[in-house]
């Protein structure tokens, strides 16, 4: 998905939630979607690293999630 397609999908989702373009609520909605996407990406990365460490039989010290065995 291109950045333009992602932005269009995010805007469509905020419109579906009932926000109107050009309002603070609409901007906040877009920001929350972006922050959620970034948090999910960090979590997915940490889980991948943890799984790889299990595969190698070594503990992984996660960025935010503490020590994993």
Protein backbone atom coordinates (compact mmCIF):
# COMPACT_ATOMS: atom_id res chain seq x y z
CA UNK A 1 0.00 0.00 0.00
CA UNK A 2 1.42 3.38 -0.98
CA UNK A 3 1.47 6.29 1.48
CA UNK A 4 -1.26 7.98 -0.58
CA UNK A 5 -3.47 4.89 -0.46
CA UNK A 6 -2.87 4.54 3.29
CA UNK A 7 -3.79 8.19 3.85
CA UNK A 8 -6.96 7.80 1.78
CA UNK A 9 -7.93 4.68 3.76
CA UNK A 10 -7.26 6.47 7.06
CA UNK A 11 -9.34 9.46 5.98
CA UNK A 12 -12.16 7.16 4.88
CA UNK A 13 -12.07 5.43 8.28
CA UNK A 14 -12.24 8.76 10.14
CA UNK A 15 -15.14 9.87 7.93
CA UNK A 16 -16.85 6.56 8.68
CA UNK A 17 -16.41 7.29 12.41
CA UNK A 18 -18.32 10.54 11.84
CA UNK A 19 -15.52 13.11 11.83
CA UNK A 20 -15.55 15.93 9.29
CA UNK A 21 -12.53 17.01 7.25
CA UNK A 22 -10.86 20.17 8.49
CA UNK A 23 -11.84 19.71 12.13
CA UNK A 24 -9.64 19.07 15.15
CA UNK A 25 -11.48 15.79 15.69
CA UNK A 26 -10.61 14.62 12.19
CA UNK A 27 -6.93 15.52 12.69
CA UNK A 28 -6.95 13.72 16.05
CA UNK A 29 -8.49 10.66 14.46
CA UNK A 30 -5.77 10.53 11.80
CA UNK A 31 -3.11 10.98 14.46
CA UNK A 32 -4.49 8.14 16.61
CA UNK A 33 -4.60 5.81 13.61
CA UNK A 34 -0.96 6.66 12.83
CA UNK A 35 0.16 6.23 16.45
CA UNK A 36 -1.67 2.90 16.69
CA UNK A 37 -0.01 1.71 13.47
CA UNK A 38 3.44 2.67 14.79
CA UNK A 39 2.84 0.98 18.14
CA UNK A 40 1.65 -2.19 16.37
CA UNK A 41 4.75 -2.13 14.18
CA UNK A 42 7.05 -1.87 17.23
CA UNK A 43 5.19 -4.71 18.95
CA UNK A 44 5.38 -6.90 15.83
CA UNK A 45 9.11 -6.24 15.56
CA UNK A 46 9.68 -7.19 19.19
CA UNK A 47 7.61 -10.35 18.82
CA UNK A 48 9.61 -11.32 15.73
CA UNK A 49 12.87 -10.80 17.63
CA UNK A 50 11.53 -12.84 20.54
CA UNK A 51 10.53 -15.68 18.23
CA UNK A 52 13.92 -15.62 16.57
CA UNK A 53 15.60 -15.79 19.98
CA UNK A 54 13.50 -18.84 20.89
CA UNK A 55 14.57 -20.44 17.64
CA UNK A 56 18.22 -19.82 18.58
CA UNK A 57 17.61 -20.85 22.21
CA UNK A 58 18.75 -17.52 23.67
CA UNK A 59 16.84 -14.94 25.72
CA UNK A 60 15.79 -11.71 24.08
CA UNK A 61 15.82 -8.49 26.05
CA UNK A 62 12.94 -6.62 24.47
CA UNK A 63 12.93 -2.87 23.91
CA UNK A 64 9.89 -2.18 26.09
CA UNK A 65 8.68 -5.55 27.22
CA UNK A 66 11.46 -6.61 29.54
CA UNK A 67 13.32 -9.89 29.48
CA UNK A 68 11.87 -12.78 27.47
CA UNK A 69 12.95 -16.40 27.54
